[in-house]
Amino acid sequence: MLPERIALKNKKIMFWTITVLISAFFILSGYMELTKHPATYPKTIRMGYPPYFITMLGVAKLIGSAVFLVPMFRRLREWVFAAFTIDVIFAFVSGYTIASYGDCIKATVVFIVIMIAYLLFIDIEKRASRKMHLEASY
């Protein structure tokens, strides 16, 4: 029983570390979109996205990051996982379209990190659900 608790604790530490990193990435990205940062805004316009979309995307990234960090929003976090995954897939395709291969690599790395976090999230949730089920049967 003790090794299982240690393994779960380690998974939770890994999950929250990765979650904070993902959130920091999307907070920075959302901030850069909202402030029309010269490092990203002209490139995003060149990709064909209209300015209002870039602003909405920045707001969505900030809201998603906030939801992602709040432990009691478990079900909403699943939606954020989906939204962030869709975002990085579109970032990859958009980067590929304008031959910005650095953006493609960045999107691929973020995608992999999101998938690792999601697998940890699912495992932790499954264990918590099993524990609640066992406690309820007593």
N, C-alpha and C. Protein backbone atom coordinates (compact mmCIF):
# COMPACT_ATOMS: atom_id res chain seq x y z
N MET A 1 0.82 -1.20 0.00
CA MET A 1 0.00 0.00 0.00
C MET A 1 0.86 1.26 0.00
N LEU A 2 1.93 1.24 0.77
CA LEU A 2 2.79 2.41 0.87
C LEU A 2 3.46 2.76 -0.46
N PRO A 3 4.03 1.78 -1.19
CA PRO A 3 4.63 2.13 -2.49
C PRO A 3 3.62 2.72 -3.48
N GLU A 4 2.37 2.26 -3.39
CA GLU A 4 1.33 2.80 -4.28
C GLU A 4 1.05 4.27 -3.93
N ARG A 5 1.04 4.61 -2.64
CA ARG A 5 0.85 6.00 -2.22
C ARG A 5 2.00 6.88 -2.68
N ILE A 6 3.22 6.35 -2.57
CA ILE A 6 4.39 7.11 -3.02
C ILE A 6 4.32 7.33 -4.53
N ALA A 7 3.94 6.28 -5.26
CA ALA A 7 3.83 6.42 -6.72
C ALA A 7 2.77 7.44 -7.08
N LEU A 8 1.63 7.42 -6.37
CA LEU A 8 0.57 8.39 -6.64
C LEU A 8 1.04 9.80 -6.29
N LYS A 9 1.74 9.94 -5.17
CA LYS A 9 2.25 11.26 -4.79
C LYS A 9 3.21 11.79 -5.85
N ASN A 10 4.10 10.93 -6.35
CA ASN A 10 5.04 11.34 -7.40
C ASN A 10 4.30 11.74 -8.67
N LYS A 11 3.26 11.00 -9.02
CA LYS A 11 2.47 11.35 -10.21
C LYS A 11 1.78 12.69 -10.03
N LYS A 12 1.28 12.94 -8.83
CA LYS A 12 0.64 14.23 -8.57
C LYS A 12 1.64 15.37 -8.67
N ILE A 13 2.84 15.16 -8.14
CA ILE A 13 3.88 16.19 -8.23
C ILE A 13 4.23 16.45 -9.69
N MET A 14 4.42 15.37 -10.46
CA MET A 14 4.72 15.52 -11.89
C MET A 14 3.58 16.24 -12.61
N PHE A 15 2.34 15.84 -12.30
CA PHE A 15 1.18 16.45 -12.95
C PHE A 15 1.13 17.95 -12.68
N TRP A 16 1.28 18.34 -11.41
CA TRP A 16 1.16 19.76 -11.08
C TRP A 16 2.34 20.57 -11.60
N THR A 17 3.51 19.97 -11.66
CA THR A 17 4.66 20.65 -12.25
C THR A 17 4.42 20.93 -13.73
N ILE A 18 3.97 19.90 -14.43
CA ILE A 18 3.70 20.05 -15.86
C ILE A 18 2.54 21.01 -16.08
N THR A 19 1.52 20.93 -15.23
CA THR A 19 0.36 21.81 -15.35
C THR A 19 0.76 23.28 -15.22
N VAL A 20 1.62 23.57 -14.26
CA VAL A 20 2.09 24.95 -14.07
C VAL A 20 2.89 25.40 -15.29
N LEU A 21 3.73 24.53 -15.83
CA LEU A 21 4.51 24.88 -17.02
C LEU A 21 3.61 25.14 -18.23
N ILE A 22 2.63 24.27 -18.43
CA ILE A 22 1.69 24.46 -19.55
C ILE A 22 0.94 25.78 -19.37
N SER A 23 0.47 26.02 -18.15
CA SER A 23 -0.27 27.26 -17.89
C SER A 23 0.61 28.48 -18.13
N ALA A 24 1.85 28.42 -17.68
CA ALA A 24 2.77 29.54 -17.90
C ALA A 24 2.96 29.79 -19.39
N PHE A 25 3.11 28.72 -20.16
CA PHE A 25 3.27 28.85 -21.61
C PHE A 25 2.05 29.54 -22.23
N PHE A 26 0.85 29.09 -21.86
CA PHE A 26 -0.36 29.67 -22.45
C PHE A 26 -0.66 31.07 -21.91
N ILE A 27 -0.27 31.35 -20.67
CA ILE A 27 -0.42 32.72 -20.15
C ILE A 27 0.47 33.67 -20.94
N LEU A 28 1.70 33.27 -21.15
CA LEU A 28 2.63 34.09 -21.93
C LEU A 28 2.12 34.25 -23.37
N SER A 29 1.67 33.17 -23.96
CA SER A 29 1.16 33.23 -25.33
C SER A 29 -0.07 34.13 -25.42
N GLY A 30 -0.99 33.98 -24.46
CA GLY A 30 -2.19 34.82 -24.45
C GLY A 30 -1.85 36.29 -24.25
N TYR A 31 -0.91 36.56 -23.36
CA TYR A 31 -0.47 37.93 -23.12
C TYR A 31 0.12 38.54 -24.39
N MET A 32 0.95 37.76 -25.08
CA MET A 32 1.58 38.27 -26.31
C MET A 32 0.54 38.54 -27.40
N GLU A 33 -0.51 37.74 -27.42
CA GLU A 33 -1.57 37.98 -28.41
C GLU A 33 -2.40 39.21 -28.04
N LEU A 34 -2.69 39.37 -26.76
CA LEU A 34 -3.49 40.52 -26.33
C LEU A 34 -2.74 41.84 -26.48
N THR A 35 -1.44 41.81 -26.29
CA THR A 35 -0.65 43.04 -26.38
C THR A 35 -0.11 43.27 -27.79
N LYS A 36 -0.47 42.39 -28.71
CA LYS A 36 -0.01 42.49 -30.11
C LYS A 36 1.52 42.58 -30.16
N HIS A 37 2.15 41.69 -29.43
CA HIS A 37 3.61 41.67 -29.33
C HIS A 37 4.24 41.49 -30.71
N PRO A 38 5.26 42.28 -31.03
CA PRO A 38 5.88 42.22 -32.36
C PRO A 38 6.53 40.87 -32.69
N ALA A 39 6.81 40.06 -31.70
CA ALA A 39 7.40 38.76 -31.98
C ALA A 39 6.38 37.75 -32.50
N THR A 40 5.11 37.99 -32.21
CA THR A 40 4.09 37.01 -32.62
C THR A 40 3.00 37.60 -33.49
N TYR A 41 2.58 38.81 -33.22
CA TYR A 41 1.41 39.37 -33.91
C TYR A 41 1.55 39.44 -35.44
N PRO A 42 2.64 40.00 -35.97
CA PRO A 42 2.76 40.05 -37.44
C PRO A 42 2.76 38.66 -38.09
N LYS A 43 3.38 37.70 -37.39
CA LYS A 43 3.42 36.34 -37.92
C LYS A 43 2.00 35.73 -37.95
N THR A 44 1.24 35.99 -36.91
CA THR A 44 -0.13 35.47 -36.83
C THR A 44 -1.01 36.11 -37.90
N ILE A 45 -0.82 37.39 -38.15
CA ILE A 45 -1.56 38.05 -39.23
C ILE A 45 -1.15 37.43 -40.57
N ARG A 46 0.15 37.17 -40.75
CA ARG A 46 0.63 36.56 -41.99
C ARG A 46 0.03 35.17 -42.21
N MET A 47 -0.32 34.51 -41.11
CA MET A 47 -0.95 33.19 -41.22
C MET A 47 -2.39 33.30 -41.72
N GLY A 48 -2.92 34.51 -41.73
CA GLY A 48 -4.27 34.72 -42.25
C GLY A 48 -5.35 34.88 -41.19
N TYR A 49 -4.96 34.95 -39.94
CA TYR A 49 -5.94 35.12 -38.89
C TYR A 49 -6.31 36.58 -38.73
N PRO A 50 -7.60 36.89 -38.59
CA PRO A 50 -8.00 38.29 -38.41
C PRO A 50 -7.66 38.78 -36.99
N PRO A 51 -7.45 40.08 -36.84
CA PRO A 51 -7.06 40.63 -35.53
C PRO A 51 -8.04 40.29 -34.39
N TYR A 52 -9.34 40.30 -34.68
CA TYR A 52 -10.29 40.00 -33.59
C TYR A 52 -10.14 38.55 -33.12
N PHE A 53 -9.77 37.65 -34.00
CA PHE A 53 -9.57 36.25 -33.62
C PHE A 53 -8.35 36.11 -32.69
N ILE A 54 -7.31 36.86 -33.01
CA ILE A 54 -6.10 36.81 -32.19
C ILE A 54 -6.41 37.31 -30.78
N THR A 55 -7.20 38.36 -30.67
CA THR A 55 -7.59 38.89 -29.36
C THR A 55 -8.43 37.87 -28.60
N MET A 56 -9.42 37.28 -29.27
CA MET A 56 -10.26 36.26 -28.62
C MET A 56 -9.44 35.06 -28.17
N LEU A 57 -8.47 34.66 -28.99
CA LEU A 57 -7.62 33.53 -28.65
C LEU A 57 -6.77 33.86 -27.42
N GLY A 58 -6.26 35.08 -27.34
CA GLY A 58 -5.49 35.50 -26.17
C GLY A 58 -6.32 35.45 -24.89
N VAL A 59 -7.55 35.94 -24.97
CA VAL A 59 -8.45 35.91 -23.80
C VAL A 59 -8.75 34.46 -23.42
N ALA A 60 -9.04 33.63 -24.41
CA ALA A 60 -9.35 32.22 -24.14
C ALA A 60 -8.17 31.50 -23.49
N LYS A 61 -6.96 31.81 -23.92
CA LYS A 61 -5.77 31.18 -23.32
C LYS A 61 -5.61 31.59 -21.86
N LEU A 62 -5.87 32.85 -21.55
CA LEU A 62 -5.76 33.30 -20.17
C LEU A 62 -6.82 32.65 -19.29
N ILE A 63 -8.05 32.59 -19.78
CA ILE A 63 -9.13 31.95 -19.02
C ILE A 63 -8.85 30.46 -18.86
N GLY A 64 -8.44 29.81 -19.94
CA GLY A 64 -8.12 28.39 -19.88
C GLY A 64 -7.00 28.10 -18.89
N SER A 65 -5.99 28.94 -18.87
CA SER A 65 -4.88 28.75 -17.94
C SER A 65 -5.35 28.89 -16.49
N ALA A 66 -6.23 29.83 -16.23
CA ALA A 66 -6.77 30.01 -14.88
C ALA A 66 -7.56 28.77 -14.45
N VAL A 67 -8.43 28.29 -15.34
CA VAL A 67 -9.22 27.09 -15.04
C VAL A 67 -8.31 25.89 -14.83
N PHE A 68 -7.27 25.80 -15.64
CA PHE A 68 -6.32 24.69 -15.59
C PHE A 68 -5.64 24.59 -14.22
N LEU A 69 -5.44 25.71 -13.57
CA LEU A 69 -4.71 25.75 -12.30
C LEU A 69 -5.58 25.56 -11.06
N VAL A 70 -6.89 25.62 -11.22
CA VAL A 70 -7.78 25.51 -10.05
C VAL A 70 -8.17 24.05 -9.86
N PRO A 71 -7.76 23.44 -8.74
CA PRO A 71 -8.01 22.01 -8.52
C PRO A 71 -9.48 21.60 -8.53
N MET A 72 -10.38 22.48 -8.11
CA MET A 72 -11.79 22.06 -8.02
C MET A 72 -12.50 22.05 -9.38
N PHE A 73 -11.85 22.53 -10.43
CA PHE A 73 -12.46 22.53 -11.77
C PHE A 73 -12.02 21.31 -12.57
N ARG A 74 -12.20 20.12 -12.00
CA ARG A 74 -11.72 18.90 -12.66
C ARG A 74 -12.36 18.66 -14.02
N ARG A 75 -13.65 18.77 -14.11
CA ARG A 75 -14.33 18.51 -15.39
C ARG A 75 -14.03 19.60 -16.41
N LEU A 76 -13.97 20.83 -15.96
CA LEU A 76 -13.61 21.91 -16.88
C LEU A 76 -12.18 21.76 -17.37
N ARG A 77 -11.32 21.18 -16.53
CA ARG A 77 -9.93 20.97 -16.93
C ARG A 77 -9.86 20.06 -18.16
N GLU A 78 -10.75 19.09 -18.24
CA GLU A 78 -10.78 18.22 -19.43
C GLU A 78 -11.07 19.04 -20.69
N TRP A 79 -11.94 20.00 -20.58
CA TRP A 79 -12.24 20.88 -21.72
C TRP A 79 -11.02 21.72 -22.09
N VAL A 80 -10.30 22.16 -21.07
CA VAL A 80 -9.09 22.95 -21.32
C VAL A 80 -8.03 22.08 -22.00
N PHE A 81 -7.90 20.84 -21.56
CA PHE A 81 -6.98 19.93 -22.25
C PHE A 81 -7.34 19.86 -23.74
N ALA A 82 -8.63 19.70 -24.03
CA ALA A 82 -9.06 19.62 -25.42
C ALA A 82 -8.77 20.92 -26.17
N ALA A 83 -9.08 22.04 -25.55
CA ALA A 83 -8.86 23.33 -26.21
C ALA A 83 -7.38 23.60 -26.46
N PHE A 84 -6.54 23.32 -25.48
CA PHE A 84 -5.11 23.53 -25.66
C PHE A 84 -4.55 22.59 -26.73
N THR A 85 -5.06 21.37 -26.77
CA THR A 85 -4.61 20.42 -27.80
C THR A 85 -4.99 20.92 -29.18
N ILE A 86 -6.21 21.39 -29.33
CA ILE A 86 -6.65 21.94 -30.62
C ILE A 86 -5.80 23.15 -30.99
N ASP A 87 -5.51 24.00 -30.01
CA ASP A 87 -4.69 25.18 -30.25
C ASP A 87 -3.32 24.81 -30.80
N VAL A 88 -2.65 23.83 -30.18
CA VAL A 88 -1.31 23.49 -30.64
C VAL A 88 -1.33 22.75 -31.97
N ILE A 89 -2.40 22.03 -32.25
CA ILE A 89 -2.52 21.39 -33.57
C ILE A 89 -2.65 22.48 -34.64
N PHE A 90 -3.50 23.47 -34.39
CA PHE A 90 -3.64 24.58 -35.35
C PHE A 90 -2.35 25.40 -35.45
N ALA A 91 -1.64 25.54 -34.32
CA ALA A 91 -0.35 26.26 -34.36
C ALA A 91 0.64 25.51 -35.24
N PHE A 92 0.63 24.19 -35.14
CA PHE A 92 1.53 23.40 -35.98
C PHE A 92 1.18 23.58 -37.46
N VAL A 93 -0.10 23.43 -37.78
CA VAL A 93 -0.53 23.56 -39.18
C VAL A 93 -0.26 24.98 -39.69
N SER A 94 -0.55 25.98 -38.88
CA SER A 94 -0.31 27.37 -39.29
C SER A 94 1.17 27.64 -39.49
N GLY A 95 2.00 27.14 -38.60
CA GLY A 95 3.45 27.30 -38.75
C GLY A 95 3.96 26.61 -39.99
N TYR A 96 3.44 25.43 -40.25
CA TYR A 96 3.85 24.69 -41.45
C TYR A 96 3.44 25.43 -42.72
N THR A 97 2.26 26.04 -42.68
CA THR A 97 1.73 26.76 -43.84
C THR A 97 2.62 27.93 -44.25
N ILE A 98 3.21 28.61 -43.27
CA ILE A 98 4.07 29.75 -43.61
C ILE A 98 5.56 29.39 -43.50
N ALA A 99 5.84 28.09 -43.44
CA ALA A 99 7.21 27.57 -43.38
C ALA A 99 7.98 28.08 -42.16
N SER A 100 7.27 28.17 -41.04
CA SER A 100 7.92 28.56 -39.78
C SER A 100 8.13 27.28 -38.97
N TYR A 101 9.19 26.57 -39.31
CA TYR A 101 9.40 25.24 -38.74
C TYR A 101 9.75 25.28 -37.25
N GLY A 102 10.28 26.40 -36.80
CA GLY A 102 10.50 26.57 -35.36
C GLY A 102 9.18 26.52 -34.60
N ASP A 103 8.14 27.13 -35.17
CA ASP A 103 6.81 27.08 -34.57
C ASP A 103 6.26 25.66 -34.59
N CYS A 104 6.56 24.91 -35.64
CA CYS A 104 6.12 23.52 -35.72
C CYS A 104 6.76 22.68 -34.62
N ILE A 105 8.04 22.90 -34.39
CA ILE A 105 8.74 22.16 -33.34
C ILE A 105 8.18 22.53 -31.97
N LYS A 106 7.97 23.83 -31.75
CA LYS A 106 7.42 24.30 -30.48
C LYS A 106 6.03 23.68 -30.25
N ALA A 107 5.19 23.67 -31.28
CA ALA A 107 3.85 23.10 -31.15
C ALA A 107 3.92 21.61 -30.85
N THR A 108 4.85 20.91 -31.48
CA THR A 108 4.99 19.47 -31.25
C THR A 108 5.41 19.19 -29.81
N VAL A 109 6.37 19.96 -29.31
CA VAL A 109 6.84 19.77 -27.93
C VAL A 109 5.70 20.05 -26.94
N VAL A 110 4.97 21.14 -27.16
CA VAL A 110 3.85 21.47 -26.26
C VAL A 110 2.77 20.39 -26.34
N PHE A 111 2.51 19.88 -27.53
CA PHE A 111 1.53 18.80 -27.70
C PHE A 111 1.93 17.58 -26.87
N ILE A 112 3.19 17.19 -26.95
CA ILE A 112 3.67 16.03 -26.20
C ILE A 112 3.54 16.27 -24.69
N VAL A 113 3.89 17.46 -24.24
CA VAL A 113 3.79 17.79 -22.82
C VAL A 113 2.33 17.76 -22.36
N ILE A 114 1.43 18.28 -23.19
CA ILE A 114 0.00 18.25 -22.85
C ILE A 114 -0.49 16.80 -22.76
N MET A 115 -0.05 15.95 -23.68
CA MET A 115 -0.48 14.55 -23.66
C MET A 115 0.05 13.83 -22.41
N ILE A 116 1.27 14.12 -22.01
CA ILE A 116 1.83 13.52 -20.78
C ILE A 116 1.00 13.98 -19.58
N ALA A 117 0.69 15.27 -19.52
CA ALA A 117 -0.12 15.80 -18.41
C ALA A 117 -1.51 15.16 -18.41
N TYR A 118 -2.08 14.98 -19.59
CA TYR A 118 -3.42 14.39 -19.66
C TYR A 118 -3.40 12.94 -19.19
N LEU A 119 -2.39 12.18 -19.59
CA LEU A 119 -2.31 10.79 -19.13
C LEU A 119 -2.14 10.71 -17.62
N LEU A 120 -1.34 11.60 -17.06
CA LEU A 120 -1.21 11.66 -15.60
C LEU A 120 -2.54 12.04 -14.95
N PHE A 121 -3.22 13.01 -15.52
CA PHE A 121 -4.52 13.46 -15.01
C PHE A 121 -5.52 12.30 -14.98
N ILE A 122 -5.59 11.56 -16.08
CA ILE A 122 -6.53 10.43 -16.17
C ILE A 122 -6.20 9.38 -15.11
N ASP A 123 -4.92 9.07 -14.95
CA ASP A 123 -4.51 8.06 -13.96
C ASP A 123 -4.85 8.52 -12.54
N ILE A 124 -4.56 9.75 -12.23
CA ILE A 124 -4.85 10.29 -10.89
C ILE A 124 -6.36 10.29 -10.64
N GLU A 125 -7.13 10.71 -11.63
CA GLU A 125 -8.60 10.74 -11.49
C GLU A 125 -9.16 9.32 -11.31
N LYS A 126 -8.61 8.38 -12.05
CA LYS A 126 -9.07 7.00 -11.95
C LYS A 126 -8.81 6.44 -10.55
N ARG A 127 -7.62 6.71 -10.03
CA ARG A 127 -7.28 6.24 -8.69
C ARG A 127 -8.16 6.91 -7.63
N ALA A 128 -8.42 8.20 -7.79
CA ALA A 128 -9.27 8.91 -6.83
C ALA A 128 -10.70 8.37 -6.87
N SER A 129 -11.18 8.09 -8.06
CA SER A 129 -12.52 7.54 -8.22
C SER A 129 -12.62 6.16 -7.59
N ARG A 130 -11.60 5.33 -7.80
CA ARG A 130 -11.57 3.99 -7.23
C ARG A 130 -11.54 4.08 -5.71
N LYS A 131 -10.75 5.02 -5.17
CA LYS A 131 -10.64 5.19 -3.72
C LYS A 131 -11.98 5.61 -3.13
N MET A 132 -12.67 6.55 -3.79
CA MET A 132 -13.97 7.02 -3.30
C MET A 132 -14.99 5.87 -3.35
N HIS A 133 -14.90 5.06 -4.40
CA HIS A 133 -15.82 3.93 -4.54
C HIS A 133 -15.60 2.91 -3.41
N LEU A 134 -14.32 2.64 -3.10
CA LEU A 134 -14.02 1.70 -2.03
C LEU A 134 -14.46 2.23 -0.67
N GLU A 135 -14.26 3.51 -0.42
CA GLU A 135 -14.67 4.11 0.86
C GLU A 135 -16.18 4.13 1.00
N ALA A 136 -16.89 4.32 -0.11
CA ALA A 136 -18.35 4.36 -0.06
C ALA A 136 -18.95 2.98 0.18
N SER A 137 -18.21 1.92 -0.15
CA SER A 137 -18.76 0.57 0.02
C SER A 137 -18.62 0.05 1.44
N TYR A 138 -17.93 0.78 2.34
CA TYR A 138 -17.81 0.35 3.73
C TYR A 138 -18.99 0.71 4.54
